[in-house]
Amino acid sequence: MTSGCCIFCEILLAILLPPLGVCLRHGCCTVEFFICLVLTILGYIPGIIYALYAIACLDPDRVRGDYYQLA
């Protein structure tokens, strides 16, 4: 579990540069990062919305565990 200060910094970065906030939370070669990157390229606001969702609602440990169970 991450601290409140760390999550606050990630959310602040997600507002400024959405893929960077997602990269810090989930890693740079994940599905979440690439979805956020594509949404940011298509439109800045959808990128911010997805980045905030990915940081606040998705737990990286649980999501990665689901990916590994499928393999």
Protein backbone atom coordinates (compact mmCIF):
# COMPACT_ATOMS: atom_id res chain seq x y z
CA MET A 1 0.00 0.00 0.00
CA THR A 2 1.40 3.37 -0.95
CA SER A 3 1.37 6.44 1.23
CA GLY A 4 -0.98 9.38 0.79
CA CYS A 5 1.86 11.71 -0.19
CA CYS A 6 2.98 9.35 -2.96
CA ILE A 7 -0.55 9.09 -4.36
CA PHE A 8 -0.94 12.88 -4.18
CA CYS A 9 2.27 13.36 -6.21
CA GLU A 10 1.14 10.79 -8.77
CA ILE A 11 -2.24 12.52 -9.14
CA LEU A 12 -0.53 15.89 -9.54
CA LEU A 13 1.73 14.46 -12.26
CA ALA A 14 -1.29 12.79 -13.87
CA ILE A 15 -2.94 16.19 -14.24
CA LEU A 16 0.18 17.74 -15.79
CA LEU A 17 1.41 14.74 -17.85
CA PRO A 18 -1.07 11.84 -17.67
CA PRO A 19 1.21 9.03 -18.96
CA LEU A 20 3.93 9.97 -16.47
CA GLY A 21 1.62 9.53 -13.49
CA VAL A 22 0.47 6.15 -14.77
CA CYS A 23 4.05 5.13 -15.50
CA LEU A 24 5.10 5.84 -11.92
CA ARG A 25 2.19 3.82 -10.54
CA HIS A 26 1.98 0.86 -12.94
CA GLY A 27 5.27 0.84 -14.89
CA CYS A 28 6.12 1.91 -18.42
CA CYS A 29 5.42 -1.34 -20.31
CA THR A 30 1.91 -2.02 -19.06
CA VAL A 31 -1.47 -1.94 -20.72
CA GLU A 32 -2.54 0.93 -18.45
CA PHE A 33 0.37 3.08 -19.60
CA PHE A 34 -0.27 2.48 -23.31
CA ILE A 35 -4.02 3.14 -22.96
CA CYS A 36 -3.23 6.40 -21.19
CA LEU A 37 -0.64 7.33 -23.82
CA VAL A 38 -3.07 6.75 -26.70
CA LEU A 39 -5.87 8.64 -24.94
CA THR A 40 -3.53 11.55 -24.24
CA ILE A 41 -2.46 11.68 -27.88
CA LEU A 42 -6.10 11.64 -29.01
CA GLY A 43 -7.14 14.23 -26.46
CA TYR A 44 -5.64 15.67 -23.30
CA ILE A 45 -8.81 15.50 -21.18
CA PRO A 46 -9.52 11.77 -21.83
CA GLY A 47 -5.90 11.05 -20.92
CA ILE A 48 -6.29 12.89 -17.61
CA ILE A 49 -9.55 11.11 -16.80
CA TYR A 50 -8.07 7.67 -17.48
CA ALA A 51 -4.87 8.50 -15.60
CA LEU A 52 -6.83 9.55 -12.52
CA TYR A 53 -8.89 6.36 -12.77
CA ALA A 54 -5.79 4.19 -13.18
CA ILE A 55 -4.03 5.80 -10.21
CA ALA A 56 -6.95 6.06 -7.81
CA CYS A 57 -9.01 2.95 -8.60
CA LEU A 58 -6.72 0.27 -10.03
CA ASP A 59 -4.50 -1.63 -7.61
CA PRO A 60 -1.26 -2.49 -9.46
CA ASP A 61 -0.61 -5.67 -7.46
CA ARG A 62 -4.06 -7.09 -8.09
CA VAL A 63 -4.08 -6.16 -11.78
CA ARG A 64 -0.66 -7.71 -12.41
CA GLY A 65 -1.72 -10.84 -10.55
CA ASP A 66 -4.66 -11.26 -12.92
CA TYR A 67 -2.36 -10.93 -15.94
CA TYR A 68 0.02 -13.56 -14.61
CA GLN A 69 -2.81 -15.99 -13.84
CA LEU A 70 -3.89 -15.92 -17.48
CA ALA A 71 -0.42 -16.84 -18.73
